Amino acid sequence: MSRFAEEFGQTLSAAFSICKKQKHSRESQIEASLERIRAKAMAMQHTEELNEVIGLFCEQYDILGINPVCAHLSLIDVENNRFSLAPHR
């Protein structure tokens, strides 16, 4: 019984270790995707490049296996002090 308890404890410990590594791996994937999007957005020189950023955003969703139901983009018009919505489904 003592040996069984020891083996079970080691197996449980290994399972927890695997889960922890998987969680860390997933967090790293998400962080890498966010960094790619952030870098692309920061490199924008013209508003026409916004489509590229949005395209990359959608690609990262696919890479991460995320299937969003919907998303929207708010465009801010600073000169006229207003914003508009650009829905995407």
PDB file of N, CA and C in Angstrom:
ATOM      1  N   MET A   1       0.829  -1.199   0.000  1.00  0.00           N
ATOM      2  CA  MET A   1       0.000   0.000   0.000  1.00  0.00           C
ATOM      3  C   MET A   1       0.872   1.261   0.000  1.00  0.00           C
ATOM      4  N   SER A   2       1.956   1.193   0.746  1.00  0.00           N
ATOM      5  CA  SER A   2       2.870   2.328   0.820  1.00  0.00           C
ATOM      6  C   SER A   2       3.505   2.600  -0.542  1.00  0.00           C
ATOM      7  N   ARG A   3       3.894   1.525  -1.228  1.00  0.00           N
ATOM      8  CA  ARG A   3       4.503   1.683  -2.549  1.00  0.00           C
ATOM      9  C   ARG A   3       3.486   2.257  -3.543  1.00  0.00           C
ATOM     10  N   PHE A   4       2.240   1.793  -3.467  1.00  0.00           N
ATOM     11  CA  PHE A   4       1.183   2.313  -4.335  1.00  0.00           C
ATOM     12  C   PHE A   4       0.998   3.807  -4.101  1.00  0.00           C
ATOM     13  N   ALA A   5       0.976   4.216  -2.850  1.00  0.00           N
ATOM     14  CA  ALA A   5       0.805   5.628  -2.512  1.00  0.00           C
ATOM     15  C   ALA A   5       1.964   6.449  -3.068  1.00  0.00           C
ATOM     16  N   GLU A   6       3.172   5.900  -2.979  1.00  0.00           N
ATOM     17  CA  GLU A   6       4.349   6.600  -3.487  1.00  0.00           C
ATOM     18  C   GLU A   6       4.276   6.740  -5.013  1.00  0.00           C
ATOM     19  N   GLU A   7       3.925   5.656  -5.702  1.00  0.00           N
ATOM     20  CA  GLU A   7       3.796   5.681  -7.164  1.00  0.00           C
ATOM     21  C   GLU A   7       2.689   6.641  -7.606  1.00  0.00           C
ATOM     22  N   PHE A   8       1.581   6.586  -6.890  1.00  0.00           N
ATOM     23  CA  PHE A   8       0.461   7.460  -7.206  1.00  0.00           C
ATOM     24  C   PHE A   8       0.865   8.926  -7.023  1.00  0.00           C
ATOM     25  N   GLY A   9       1.576   9.208  -5.974  1.00  0.00           N
ATOM     26  CA  GLY A   9       2.051  10.566  -5.708  1.00  0.00           C
ATOM     27  C   GLY A   9       2.978  11.054  -6.806  1.00  0.00           C
ATOM     28  N   GLN A  10       3.879  10.195  -7.265  1.00  0.00           N
ATOM     29  CA  GLN A  10       4.786  10.574  -8.350  1.00  0.00           C
ATOM     30  C   GLN A  10       4.034  10.807  -9.659  1.00  0.00           C
ATOM     31  N   THR A  11       3.059   9.937  -9.928  1.00  0.00           N
ATOM     32  CA  THR A  11       2.253  10.085 -11.144  1.00  0.00           C
ATOM     33  C   THR A  11       1.454  11.381 -11.097  1.00  0.00           C
ATOM     34  N   LEU A  12       0.853  11.664  -9.968  1.00  0.00           N
ATOM     35  CA  LEU A  12       0.085  12.889  -9.802  1.00  0.00           C
ATOM     36  C   LEU A  12       0.983  14.116  -9.942  1.00  0.00           C
ATOM     37  N   SER A  13       2.157  14.047  -9.372  1.00  0.00           N
ATOM     38  CA  SER A  13       3.113  15.150  -9.468  1.00  0.00           C
ATOM     39  C   SER A  13       3.521  15.370 -10.922  1.00  0.00           C
ATOM     40  N   ALA A  14       3.754  14.293 -11.654  1.00  0.00           N
ATOM     41  CA  ALA A  14       4.123  14.408 -13.069  1.00  0.00           C
ATOM     42  C   ALA A  14       2.974  15.012 -13.873  1.00  0.00           C
ATOM     43  N   ALA A  15       1.752  14.612 -13.571  1.00  0.00           N
ATOM     44  CA  ALA A  15       0.583  15.147 -14.277  1.00  0.00           C
ATOM     45  C   ALA A  15       0.443  16.644 -14.017  1.00  0.00           C
ATOM     46  N   PHE A  16       0.627  17.062 -12.778  1.00  0.00           N
ATOM     47  CA  PHE A  16       0.562  18.490 -12.449  1.00  0.00           C
ATOM     48  C   PHE A  16       1.664  19.258 -13.175  1.00  0.00           C
ATOM     49  N   SER A  17       2.834  18.668 -13.248  1.00  0.00           N
ATOM     50  CA  SER A  17       3.955  19.310 -13.942  1.00  0.00           C
ATOM     51  C   SER A  17       3.653  19.491 -15.422  1.00  0.00           C
ATOM     52  N   ILE A  18       3.062  18.480 -16.052  1.00  0.00           N
ATOM     53  CA  ILE A  18       2.693  18.563 -17.464  1.00  0.00           C
ATOM     54  C   ILE A  18       1.648  19.645 -17.672  1.00  0.00           C
ATOM     55  N   CYS A  19       0.633  19.694 -16.809  1.00  0.00           N
ATOM     56  CA  CYS A  19      -0.412  20.723 -16.917  1.00  0.00           C
ATOM     57  C   CYS A  19       0.182  22.124 -16.784  1.00  0.00           C
ATOM     58  N   LYS A  20       1.103  22.273 -15.856  1.00  0.00           N
ATOM     59  CA  LYS A  20       1.738  23.572 -15.637  1.00  0.00           C
ATOM     60  C   LYS A  20       2.543  23.991 -16.868  1.00  0.00           C
ATOM     61  N   LYS A  21       3.265  23.032 -17.477  1.00  0.00           N
ATOM     62  CA  LYS A  21       4.038  23.329 -18.677  1.00  0.00           C
ATOM     63  C   LYS A  21       3.127  23.680 -19.845  1.00  0.00           C
ATOM     64  N   GLN A  22       2.006  22.977 -19.980  1.00  0.00           N
ATOM     65  CA  GLN A  22       1.058  23.275 -21.053  1.00  0.00           C
ATOM     66  C   GLN A  22       0.468  24.676 -20.877  1.00  0.00           C
ATOM     67  N   LYS A  23       0.133  25.015 -19.660  1.00  0.00           N
ATOM     68  CA  LYS A  23      -0.426  26.350 -19.389  1.00  0.00           C
ATOM     69  C   LYS A  23       0.599  27.426 -19.714  1.00  0.00           C
ATOM     70  N   HIS A  24       1.841  27.200 -19.314  1.00  0.00           N
ATOM     71  CA  HIS A  24       2.901  28.164 -19.589  1.00  0.00           C
ATOM     72  C   HIS A  24       3.125  28.277 -21.097  1.00  0.00           C
ATOM     73  N   SER A  25       3.082  27.174 -21.804  1.00  0.00           N
ATOM     74  CA  SER A  25       3.251  27.170 -23.254  1.00  0.00           C
ATOM     75  C   SER A  25       2.145  27.973 -23.929  1.00  0.00           C
ATOM     76  N   ARG A  26       0.910  27.774 -23.482  1.00  0.00           N
ATOM     77  CA  ARG A  26      -0.225  28.508 -24.050  1.00  0.00           C
ATOM     78  C   ARG A  26      -0.085  30.008 -23.783  1.00  0.00           C
ATOM     79  N   GLU A  27       0.305  30.361 -22.568  1.00  0.00           N
ATOM     80  CA  GLU A  27       0.505  31.774 -22.245  1.00  0.00           C
ATOM     81  C   GLU A  27       1.604  32.384 -23.109  1.00  0.00           C
ATOM     82  N   SER A  28       2.637  31.610 -23.394  1.00  0.00           N
ATOM     83  CA  SER A  28       3.725  32.088 -24.248  1.00  0.00           C
ATOM     84  C   SER A  28       3.238  32.300 -25.678  1.00  0.00           C
ATOM     85  N   GLN A  29       2.389  31.395 -26.174  1.00  0.00           N
ATOM     86  CA  GLN A  29       1.824  31.542 -27.517  1.00  0.00           C
ATOM     87  C   GLN A  29       0.980  32.818 -27.610  1.00  0.00           C
ATOM     88  N   ILE A  30       0.159  33.038 -26.613  1.00  0.00           N
ATOM     89  CA  ILE A  30      -0.697  34.222 -26.599  1.00  0.00           C
ATOM     90  C   ILE A  30       0.150  35.489 -26.542  1.00  0.00           C
ATOM     91  N   GLU A  31       1.152  35.491 -25.701  1.00  0.00           N
ATOM     92  CA  GLU A  31       2.027  36.659 -25.572  1.00  0.00           C
ATOM     93  C   GLU A  31       2.760  36.933 -26.882  1.00  0.00           C
ATOM     94  N   ALA A  32       3.205  35.887 -27.566  1.00  0.00           N
ATOM     95  CA  ALA A  32       3.891  36.058 -28.851  1.00  0.00           C
ATOM     96  C   ALA A  32       2.944  36.656 -29.889  1.00  0.00           C
ATOM     97  N   SER A  33       1.704  36.185 -29.914  1.00  0.00           N
ATOM     98  CA  SER A  33       0.711  36.733 -30.844  1.00  0.00           C
ATOM     99  C   SER A  33       0.446  38.198 -30.552  1.00  0.00           C
ATOM    100  N   LEU A  34       0.270  38.526 -29.282  1.00  0.00           N
ATOM    101  CA  LEU A  34       0.050  39.920 -28.906  1.00  0.00           C
ATOM    102  C   LEU A  34       1.223  40.802 -29.310  1.00  0.00           C
ATOM    103  N   GLU A  35       2.426  40.289 -29.144  1.00  0.00           N
ATOM    104  CA  GLU A  35       3.611  41.064 -29.493  1.00  0.00           C
ATOM    105  C   GLU A  35       3.696  41.300 -31.001  1.00  0.00           C
ATOM    106  N   ARG A  36       3.323  40.290 -31.809  1.00  0.00           N
ATOM    107  CA  ARG A  36       3.321  40.466 -33.261  1.00  0.00           C
ATOM    108  C   ARG A  36       2.330  41.563 -33.663  1.00  0.00           C
ATOM    109  N   ILE A  37       1.146  41.530 -33.054  1.00  0.00           N
ATOM    110  CA  ILE A  37       0.128  42.545 -33.359  1.00  0.00           C
ATOM    111  C   ILE A  37       0.595  43.920 -32.895  1.00  0.00           C
ATOM    112  N   ARG A  38       1.129  43.981 -31.700  1.00  0.00           N
ATOM    113  CA  ARG A  38       1.613  45.250 -31.146  1.00  0.00           C
ATOM    114  C   ARG A  38       2.710  45.847 -32.032  1.00  0.00           C
ATOM    115  N   ALA A  39       3.658  45.012 -32.469  1.00  0.00           N
ATOM    116  CA  ALA A  39       4.759  45.487 -33.309  1.00  0.00           C
ATOM    117  C   ALA A  39       4.237  46.000 -34.645  1.00  0.00           C
ATOM    118  N   LYS A  40       3.294  45.280 -35.240  1.00  0.00           N
ATOM    119  CA  LYS A  40       2.718  45.704 -36.519  1.00  0.00           C
ATOM    120  C   LYS A  40       1.987  47.036 -36.359  1.00  0.00           C
ATOM    121  N   ALA A  41       1.227  47.171 -35.291  1.00  0.00           N
ATOM    122  CA  ALA A  41       0.490  48.411 -35.052  1.00  0.00           C
ATOM    123  C   ALA A  41       1.441  49.581 -34.806  1.00  0.00           C
ATOM    124  N   MET A  42       2.496  49.349 -34.054  1.00  0.00           N
ATOM    125  CA  MET A  42       3.444  50.421 -33.756  1.00  0.00           C
ATOM    126  C   MET A  42       4.239  50.829 -35.000  1.00  0.00           C
ATOM    127  N   ALA A  43       4.386  49.914 -35.959  1.00  0.00           N
ATOM    128  CA  ALA A  43       5.149  50.198 -37.176  1.00  0.00           C
ATOM    129  C   ALA A  43       4.308  50.916 -38.226  1.00  0.00           C
ATOM    130  N   MET A  44       3.013  51.063 -37.970  1.00  0.00           N
ATOM    131  CA  MET A  44       2.138  51.727 -38.942  1.00  0.00           C
ATOM    132  C   MET A  44       2.605  53.153 -39.210  1.00  0.00           C
ATOM    133  N   GLN A  45       2.650  53.505 -40.490  1.00  0.00           N
ATOM    134  CA  GLN A  45       3.005  54.860 -40.890  1.00  0.00           C
ATOM    135  C   GLN A  45       1.804  55.609 -41.454  1.00  0.00           C
ATOM    136  N   HIS A  46       0.836  54.871 -42.006  1.00  0.00           N
ATOM    137  CA  HIS A  46      -0.328  55.469 -42.648  1.00  0.00           C
ATOM    138  C   HIS A  46      -1.582  54.708 -42.239  1.00  0.00           C
ATOM    139  N   THR A  47      -2.704  55.391 -42.254  1.00  0.00           N
ATOM    140  CA  THR A  47      -3.963  54.744 -41.862  1.00  0.00           C
ATOM    141  C   THR A  47      -4.325  53.596 -42.785  1.00  0.00           C
ATOM    142  N   GLU A  48      -3.828  53.608 -44.025  1.00  0.00           N
ATOM    143  CA  GLU A  48      -4.119  52.525 -44.959  1.00  0.00           C
ATOM    144  C   GLU A  48      -3.550  51.188 -44.467  1.00  0.00           C
ATOM    145  N   GLU A  49      -2.571  51.245 -43.590  1.00  0.00           N
ATOM    146  CA  GLU A  49      -1.947  50.030 -43.064  1.00  0.00           C
ATOM    147  C   GLU A  49      -2.799  49.356 -41.989  1.00  0.00           C
ATOM    148  N   LEU A  50      -3.881  50.002 -41.593  1.00  0.00           N
ATOM    149  CA  LEU A  50      -4.755  49.432 -40.567  1.00  0.00           C
ATOM    150  C   LEU A  50      -5.322  48.085 -41.021  1.00  0.00           C
ATOM    151  N   ASN A  51      -5.626  47.947 -42.317  1.00  0.00           N
ATOM    152  CA  ASN A  51      -6.123  46.672 -42.822  1.00  0.00           C
ATOM    153  C   ASN A  51      -5.123  45.544 -42.592  1.00  0.00           C
ATOM    154  N   GLU A  52      -3.836  45.837 -42.723  1.00  0.00           N
ATOM    155  CA  GLU A  52      -2.800  44.834 -42.484  1.00  0.00           C
ATOM    156  C   GLU A  52      -2.788  44.411 -41.020  1.00  0.00           C
ATOM    157  N   VAL A  53      -2.938  45.377 -40.126  1.00  0.00           N
ATOM    158  CA  VAL A  53      -2.959  45.079 -38.694  1.00  0.00           C
ATOM    159  C   VAL A  53      -4.176  44.210 -38.360  1.00  0.00           C
ATOM    160  N   ILE A  54      -5.320  44.564 -38.919  1.00  0.00           N
ATOM    161  CA  ILE A  54      -6.531  43.786 -38.668  1.00  0.00           C
ATOM    162  C   ILE A  54      -6.381  42.379 -39.244  1.00  0.00           C
ATOM    163  N   GLY A  55      -5.767  42.274 -40.422  1.00  0.00           N
ATOM    164  CA  GLY A  55      -5.516  40.958 -41.013  1.00  0.00           C
ATOM    165  C   GLY A  55      -4.619  40.115 -40.128  1.00  0.00           C
ATOM    166  N   LEU A  56      -3.575  40.715 -39.591  1.00  0.00           N
ATOM    167  CA  LEU A  56      -2.674  40.000 -38.688  1.00  0.00           C
ATOM    168  C   LEU A  56      -3.410  39.573 -37.427  1.00  0.00           C
ATOM    169  N   PHE A  57      -4.265  40.455 -36.924  1.00  0.00           N
ATOM    170  CA  PHE A  57      -5.068  40.153 -35.743  1.00  0.00           C
ATOM    171  C   PHE A  57      -5.894  38.885 -35.978  1.00  0.00           C
ATOM    172  N   CYS A  58      -6.548  38.818 -37.153  1.00  0.00           N
ATOM    173  CA  CYS A  58      -7.371  37.639 -37.488  1.00  0.00           C
ATOM    174  C   CYS A  58      -6.505  36.394 -37.663  1.00  0.00           C
ATOM    175  N   GLU A  59      -5.331  36.545 -38.263  1.00  0.00           N
ATOM    176  CA  GLU A  59      -4.409  35.414 -38.417  1.00  0.00           C
ATOM    177  C   GLU A  59      -4.001  34.855 -37.062  1.00  0.00           C
ATOM    178  N   GLN A  60      -3.745  35.736 -36.112  1.00  0.00           N
ATOM    179  CA  GLN A  60      -3.325  35.296 -34.782  1.00  0.00           C
ATOM    180  C   GLN A  60      -4.447  34.540 -34.073  1.00  0.00           C
ATOM    181  N   TYR A  61      -5.685  34.982 -34.286  1.00  0.00           N
ATOM    182  CA  TYR A  61      -6.818  34.213 -33.761  1.00  0.00           C
ATOM    183  C   TYR A  61      -6.775  32.789 -34.300  1.00  0.00           C
ATOM    184  N   ASP A  62      -6.552  32.663 -35.612  1.00  0.00           N
ATOM    185  CA  ASP A  62      -6.502  31.333 -36.230  1.00  0.00           C
ATOM    186  C   ASP A  62      -5.364  30.500 -35.661  1.00  0.00           C
ATOM    187  N   ILE A  63      -4.198  31.103 -35.528  1.00  0.00           N
ATOM    188  CA  ILE A  63      -3.029  30.392 -34.996  1.00  0.00           C
ATOM    189  C   ILE A  63      -3.310  29.874 -33.583  1.00  0.00           C
ATOM    190  N   LEU A  64      -3.987  30.699 -32.785  1.00  0.00           N
ATOM    191  CA  LEU A  64      -4.277  30.316 -31.402  1.00  0.00           C
ATOM    192  C   LEU A  64      -5.493  29.397 -31.289  1.00  0.00           C
ATOM    193  N   GLY A  65      -6.186  29.182 -32.400  1.00  0.00           N
ATOM    194  CA  GLY A  65      -7.362  28.315 -32.367  1.00  0.00           C
ATOM    195  C   GLY A  65      -8.568  28.969 -31.724  1.00  0.00           C
ATOM    196  N   ILE A  66      -8.621  30.282 -31.786  1.00  0.00           N
ATOM    197  CA  ILE A  66      -9.732  31.031 -31.208  1.00  0.00           C
ATOM    198  C   ILE A  66     -10.711  31.361 -32.330  1.00  0.00           C
ATOM    199  N   ASN A  67     -11.975  31.077 -32.109  1.00  0.00           N
ATOM    200  CA  ASN A  67     -13.007  31.359 -33.103  1.00  0.00           C
ATOM    201  C   ASN A  67     -13.976  32.380 -32.514  1.00  0.00           C
ATOM    202  N   PRO A  68     -13.653  33.681 -32.685  1.00  0.00           N
ATOM    203  CA  PRO A  68     -14.518  34.698 -32.085  1.00  0.00           C
ATOM    204  C   PRO A  68     -15.890  34.729 -32.762  1.00  0.00           C
ATOM    205  N   VAL A  69     -16.911  34.999 -31.978  1.00  0.00           N
ATOM    206  CA  VAL A  69     -18.262  35.108 -32.511  1.00  0.00           C
ATOM    207  C   VAL A  69     -18.395  36.394 -33.306  1.00  0.00           C
ATOM    208  N   CYS A  70     -17.876  37.486 -32.772  1.00  0.00           N
ATOM    209  CA  CYS A  70     -17.889  38.752 -33.501  1.00  0.00           C
ATOM    210  C   CYS A  70     -16.832  39.680 -32.903  1.00  0.00           C
ATOM    211  N   ALA A  71     -16.551  40.720 -33.640  1.00  0.00           N
ATOM    212  CA  ALA A  71     -15.604  41.735 -33.175  1.00  0.00           C
ATOM    213  C   ALA A  71     -16.032  43.058 -33.797  1.00  0.00           C
ATOM    214  N   HIS A  72     -15.597  44.152 -33.224  1.00  0.00           N
ATOM    215  CA  HIS A  72     -15.865  45.444 -33.851  1.00  0.00           C
ATOM    216  C   HIS A  72     -14.673  46.361 -33.637  1.00  0.00           C
ATOM    217  N   LEU A  73     -14.607  47.337 -34.479  1.00  0.00           N
ATOM    218  CA  LEU A  73     -13.513  48.284 -34.462  1.00  0.00           C
ATOM    219  C   LEU A  73     -14.099  49.681 -34.337  1.00  0.00           C
ATOM    220  N   SER A  74     -13.596  50.450 -33.410  1.00  0.00           N
ATOM    221  CA  SER A  74     -14.032  51.839 -33.263  1.00  0.00           C
ATOM    222  C   SER A  74     -13.006  52.735 -33.927  1.00  0.00           C
ATOM    223  N   LEU A  75     -13.448  53.539 -34.856  1.00  0.00           N
ATOM    224  CA  LEU A  75     -12.570  54.481 -35.532  1.00  0.00           C
ATOM    225  C   LEU A  75     -12.816  55.874 -34.959  1.00  0.00           C
ATOM    226  N   ILE A  76     -11.763  56.503 -34.496  1.00  0.00           N
ATOM    227  CA  ILE A  76     -11.890  57.808 -33.855  1.00  0.00           C
ATOM    228  C   ILE A  76     -11.493  58.905 -34.837  1.00  0.00           C
ATOM    229  N   ASP A  77     -12.387  59.862 -35.003  1.00  0.00           N
ATOM    230  CA  ASP A  77     -12.148  61.030 -35.856  1.00  0.00           C
ATOM    231  C   ASP A  77     -11.820  62.190 -34.921  1.00  0.00           C
ATOM    232  N   VAL A  78     -10.536  62.423 -34.685  1.00  0.00           N
ATOM    233  CA  VAL A  78     -10.085  63.421 -33.724  1.00  0.00           C
ATOM    234  C   VAL A  78     -10.493  64.826 -34.159  1.00  0.00           C
ATOM    235  N   GLU A  79     -10.395  65.093 -35.458  1.00  0.00           N
ATOM    236  CA  GLU A  79     -10.708  66.438 -35.953  1.00  0.00           C
ATOM    237  C   GLU A  79     -12.158  66.834 -35.679  1.00  0.00           C
ATOM    238  N   ASN A  80     -13.074  65.888 -35.799  1.00  0.00           N
ATOM    239  CA  ASN A  80     -14.495  66.178 -35.588  1.00  0.00           C
ATOM    240  C   ASN A  80     -14.993  65.733 -34.217  1.00  0.00           C
ATOM    241  N   ASN A  81     -14.074  65.241 -33.375  1.00  0.00           N
ATOM    242  CA  ASN A  81     -14.399  64.821 -32.013  1.00  0.00           C
ATOM    243  C   ASN A  81     -15.548  63.804 -31.982  1.00  0.00           C
ATOM    244  N   ARG A  82     -15.426  62.751 -32.790  1.00  0.00           N
ATOM    245  CA  ARG A  82     -16.441  61.705 -32.814  1.00  0.00           C
ATOM    246  C   ARG A  82     -15.807  60.381 -33.182  1.00  0.00           C
ATOM    247  N   PHE A  83     -16.566  59.325 -33.061  1.00  0.00           N
ATOM    248  CA  PHE A  83     -16.073  58.019 -33.466  1.00  0.00           C
ATOM    249  C   PHE A  83     -17.167  57.284 -34.225  1.00  0.00           C
ATOM    250  N   SER A  84     -16.761  56.304 -34.998  1.00  0.00           N
ATOM    251  CA  SER A  84     -17.712  55.483 -35.732  1.00  0.00           C
ATOM    252  C   SER A  84     -17.373  54.021 -35.491  1.00  0.00           C
ATOM    253  N   LEU A  85     -18.339  53.172 -35.647  1.00  0.00           N
ATOM    254  CA  LEU A  85     -18.151  51.742 -35.434  1.00  0.00           C
ATOM    255  C   LEU A  85     -18.051  51.052 -36.781  1.00  0.00           C
ATOM    256  N   ALA A  86     -17.151  50.095 -36.849  1.00  0.00           N
ATOM    257  CA  ALA A  86     -17.019  49.286 -38.062  1.00  0.00           C
ATOM    258  C   ALA A  86     -17.224  47.836 -37.638  1.00  0.00           C
ATOM    259  N   PRO A  87     -18.470  47.348 -37.604  1.00  0.00           N
ATOM    260  CA  PRO A  87     -18.712  45.974 -37.130  1.00  0.00           C
ATOM    261  C   PRO A  87     -18.173  44.939 -38.095  1.00  0.00           C
ATOM    262  N   HIS A  88     -17.751  43.814 -37.560  1.00  0.00           N
ATOM    263  CA  HIS A  88     -17.267  42.694 -38.359  1.00  0.00           C
ATOM    264  C   HIS A  88     -17.781  41.406 -37.723  1.00  0.00           C
ATOM    265  N   ARG A  89     -18.415  40.581 -38.498  1.00  0.00           N
ATOM    266  CA  ARG A  89     -18.929  39.290 -37.991  1.00  0.00           C
ATOM    267  C   ARG A  89     -18.380  38.158 -38.799  1.00  0.00           C
TER     268      ARG A  89
END
